[in-house]
Amino acid sequence: MSRRIQPPWDYLHDASVPSLESYELSRLNHAANLRREIAALLDQWIEDSTQALLARWVREDRALPRGGPPEVESPQPQLPFDEAPSPAPPRQSERAMKLSRRTARSSSN
């Protein structure tokens, strides 16, 4: 699909300044029109791709099994003679400890 661009060298060489200005403006106008067309094509491409992905999501969602939440095995009940482990005290993060040290230093100064 690539085509070789061949500028009109003879015309550009022999044309007057007003003709060259007119040629430049016509090429810039054509480039702007192409840019608008490309933007419209990109918007359409994004819209179509989005709709296709939405259709796939709906199709895959319909294929999922329906019903209640999946059954989860209940944990084994704790026996009365088992000692319950004591919960460990919450550990302060290293960052929070540094911040509290920094705050303590700045308040003592």
C-alpha atoms as a PDB file:
ATOM      1  CA  MET A   1       0.000   0.000   0.000  1.00  0.00           C
ATOM      2  CA  SER A   2       3.069   2.204   0.137  1.00  0.00           C
ATOM      3  CA  ARG A   3       3.406   4.516  -2.770  1.00  0.00           C
ATOM      4  CA  ARG A   4       6.402   6.552  -3.717  1.00  0.00           C
ATOM      5  CA  ILE A   5       5.916  10.299  -3.356  1.00  0.00           C
ATOM      6  CA  GLN A   6       7.420  12.185  -6.252  1.00  0.00           C
ATOM      7  CA  PRO A   7       7.352  15.963  -5.787  1.00  0.00           C
ATOM      8  CA  PRO A   8       6.701  18.037  -8.917  1.00  0.00           C
ATOM      9  CA  TRP A   9      10.262  19.315  -9.134  1.00  0.00           C
ATOM     10  CA  ASP A  10       9.853  21.060 -12.502  1.00  0.00           C
ATOM     11  CA  TYR A  11       6.777  22.961 -11.311  1.00  0.00           C
ATOM     12  CA  LEU A  12       8.380  23.899  -7.972  1.00  0.00           C
ATOM     13  CA  HIS A  13      11.539  25.094  -9.711  1.00  0.00           C
ATOM     14  CA  ASP A  14       9.773  27.209 -12.339  1.00  0.00           C
ATOM     15  CA  ALA A  15       6.788  28.517 -10.305  1.00  0.00           C
ATOM     16  CA  SER A  16       6.515  32.088  -9.096  1.00  0.00           C
ATOM     17  CA  VAL A  17       6.494  32.942  -5.387  1.00  0.00           C
ATOM     18  CA  PRO A  18       2.687  33.438  -5.307  1.00  0.00           C
ATOM     19  CA  SER A  19       2.239  30.078  -7.080  1.00  0.00           C
ATOM     20  CA  LEU A  20       4.519  28.374  -4.560  1.00  0.00           C
ATOM     21  CA  GLU A  21       2.571  29.968  -1.692  1.00  0.00           C
ATOM     22  CA  SER A  22      -0.676  28.748  -3.223  1.00  0.00           C
ATOM     23  CA  TYR A  23       0.754  25.261  -3.726  1.00  0.00           C
ATOM     24  CA  GLU A  24       1.990  25.188  -0.107  1.00  0.00           C
ATOM     25  CA  LEU A  25      -1.430  26.227   1.206  1.00  0.00           C
ATOM     26  CA  SER A  26      -3.194  23.615  -0.909  1.00  0.00           C
ATOM     27  CA  ARG A  27      -0.879  20.873   0.407  1.00  0.00           C
ATOM     28  CA  LEU A  28      -1.366  22.040   4.023  1.00  0.00           C
ATOM     29  CA  ASN A  29      -5.130  22.063   3.494  1.00  0.00           C
ATOM     30  CA  HIS A  30      -5.005  18.543   2.063  1.00  0.00           C
ATOM     31  CA  ALA A  31      -2.874  17.377   5.019  1.00  0.00           C
ATOM     32  CA  ALA A  32      -5.376  18.906   7.477  1.00  0.00           C
ATOM     33  CA  ASN A  33      -8.255  17.153   5.724  1.00  0.00           C
ATOM     34  CA  LEU A  34      -6.394  13.834   5.911  1.00  0.00           C
ATOM     35  CA  ARG A  35      -5.721  14.395   9.620  1.00  0.00           C
ATOM     36  CA  ARG A  36      -9.454  14.946  10.238  1.00  0.00           C
ATOM     37  CA  GLU A  37     -10.321  11.800   8.288  1.00  0.00           C
ATOM     38  CA  ILE A  38      -7.747   9.787  10.240  1.00  0.00           C
ATOM     39  CA  ALA A  39      -9.127  11.109  13.548  1.00  0.00           C
ATOM     40  CA  ALA A  40     -12.649  10.123  12.495  1.00  0.00           C
ATOM     41  CA  LEU A  41     -11.421   6.657  11.473  1.00  0.00           C
ATOM     42  CA  LEU A  42      -9.612   6.215  14.798  1.00  0.00           C
ATOM     43  CA  ASP A  43     -12.747   7.221  16.710  1.00  0.00           C
ATOM     44  CA  GLN A  44     -14.803   4.724  14.717  1.00  0.00           C
ATOM     45  CA  TRP A  45     -12.182   2.003  15.218  1.00  0.00           C
ATOM     46  CA  ILE A  46     -12.155   2.586  18.991  1.00  0.00           C
ATOM     47  CA  GLU A  47     -15.969   2.578  19.135  1.00  0.00           C
ATOM     48  CA  ASP A  48     -16.246  -0.638  17.111  1.00  0.00           C
ATOM     49  CA  SER A  49     -13.526  -2.365  19.148  1.00  0.00           C
ATOM     50  CA  THR A  50     -15.245  -1.321  22.376  1.00  0.00           C
ATOM     51  CA  GLN A  51     -18.570  -2.703  21.219  1.00  0.00           C
ATOM     52  CA  ALA A  52     -16.931  -5.966  20.143  1.00  0.00           C
ATOM     53  CA  LEU A  53     -15.257  -6.360  23.546  1.00  0.00           C
ATOM     54  CA  LEU A  54     -18.534  -5.598  25.299  1.00  0.00           C
ATOM     55  CA  ALA A  55     -20.283  -8.269  23.214  1.00  0.00           C
ATOM     56  CA  ARG A  56     -17.535 -10.763  24.133  1.00  0.00           C
ATOM     57  CA  TRP A  57     -17.882  -9.903  27.817  1.00  0.00           C
ATOM     58  CA  VAL A  58     -21.677 -10.408  27.709  1.00  0.00           C
ATOM     59  CA  ARG A  59     -21.220 -13.702  25.836  1.00  0.00           C
ATOM     60  CA  GLU A  60     -18.638 -14.961  28.335  1.00  0.00           C
ATOM     61  CA  ASP A  61     -20.757 -13.754  31.264  1.00  0.00           C
ATOM     62  CA  ARG A  62     -23.721 -15.748  29.966  1.00  0.00           C
ATOM     63  CA  ALA A  63     -21.549 -18.847  29.773  1.00  0.00           C
ATOM     64  CA  LEU A  64     -20.749 -18.673  33.509  1.00  0.00           C
ATOM     65  CA  PRO A  65     -22.717 -21.034  35.748  1.00  0.00           C
ATOM     66  CA  ARG A  66     -25.609 -19.357  37.551  1.00  0.00           C
ATOM     67  CA  GLY A  67     -26.857 -19.926  41.031  1.00  0.00           C
ATOM     68  CA  GLY A  68     -25.866 -18.970  44.512  1.00  0.00           C
ATOM     69  CA  PRO A  69     -22.374 -18.274  45.638  1.00  0.00           C
ATOM     70  CA  PRO A  70     -19.998 -21.193  45.332  1.00  0.00           C
ATOM     71  CA  GLU A  71     -19.996 -23.543  48.270  1.00  0.00           C
ATOM     72  CA  VAL A  72     -17.089 -22.989  50.607  1.00  0.00           C
ATOM     73  CA  GLU A  73     -15.977 -25.692  52.959  1.00  0.00           C
ATOM     74  CA  SER A  74     -16.674 -24.589  56.495  1.00  0.00           C
ATOM     75  CA  PRO A  75     -13.619 -24.646  58.720  1.00  0.00           C
ATOM     76  CA  GLN A  76     -13.341 -27.459  61.216  1.00  0.00           C
ATOM     77  CA  PRO A  77     -14.948 -26.403  64.501  1.00  0.00           C
ATOM     78  CA  GLN A  78     -12.509 -25.670  67.275  1.00  0.00           C
ATOM     79  CA  LEU A  79     -12.544 -28.201  70.067  1.00  0.00           C
ATOM     80  CA  PRO A  80     -13.178 -26.854  73.588  1.00  0.00           C
ATOM     81  CA  PHE A  81      -9.893 -28.165  74.971  1.00  0.00           C
ATOM     82  CA  ASP A  82      -7.795 -26.559  72.228  1.00  0.00           C
ATOM     83  CA  GLU A  83      -6.075 -23.444  73.430  1.00  0.00           C
ATOM     84  CA  ALA A  84      -6.948 -20.511  71.293  1.00  0.00           C
ATOM     85  CA  PRO A  85      -3.816 -18.806  70.154  1.00  0.00           C
ATOM     86  CA  SER A  86      -3.586 -15.310  71.572  1.00  0.00           C
ATOM     87  CA  PRO A  87      -3.671 -12.742  68.857  1.00  0.00           C
ATOM     88  CA  ALA A  88      -0.333 -11.053  68.283  1.00  0.00           C
ATOM     89  CA  PRO A  89      -0.320  -7.336  68.994  1.00  0.00           C
ATOM     90  CA  PRO A  90      -0.579  -5.269  65.841  1.00  0.00           C
ATOM     91  CA  ARG A  91       2.862  -4.525  64.515  1.00  0.00           C
ATOM     92  CA  GLN A  92       3.620  -0.937  63.713  1.00  0.00           C
ATOM     93  CA  SER A  93       4.997  -0.512  60.253  1.00  0.00           C
ATOM     94  CA  GLU A  94       8.593   0.567  59.852  1.00  0.00           C
ATOM     95  CA  ARG A  95       7.530   3.752  58.131  1.00  0.00           C
ATOM     96  CA  ALA A  96       5.145   4.656  60.954  1.00  0.00           C
ATOM     97  CA  MET A  97       7.916   4.018  63.511  1.00  0.00           C
ATOM     98  CA  LYS A  98      10.328   6.303  61.635  1.00  0.00           C
ATOM     99  CA  LEU A  99       7.647   8.963  61.419  1.00  0.00           C
ATOM    100  CA  SER A 100       6.928   8.756  65.154  1.00  0.00           C
ATOM    101  CA  ARG A 101      10.683   8.982  65.926  1.00  0.00           C
ATOM    102  CA  ARG A 102      11.002  11.999  63.639  1.00  0.00           C
ATOM    103  CA  THR A 103       7.996  13.642  65.307  1.00  0.00           C
ATOM    104  CA  ALA A 104       9.456  12.955  68.750  1.00  0.00           C
ATOM    105  CA  ARG A 105      12.822  14.459  67.755  1.00  0.00           C
ATOM    106  CA  SER A 106      11.265  17.576  66.256  1.00  0.00           C
ATOM    107  CA  SER A 107       9.078  18.164  69.312  1.00  0.00           C
ATOM    108  CA  SER A 108      12.065  17.796  71.686  1.00  0.00           C
ATOM    109  CA  ASN A 109      14.098  20.430  69.756  1.00  0.00           C
END
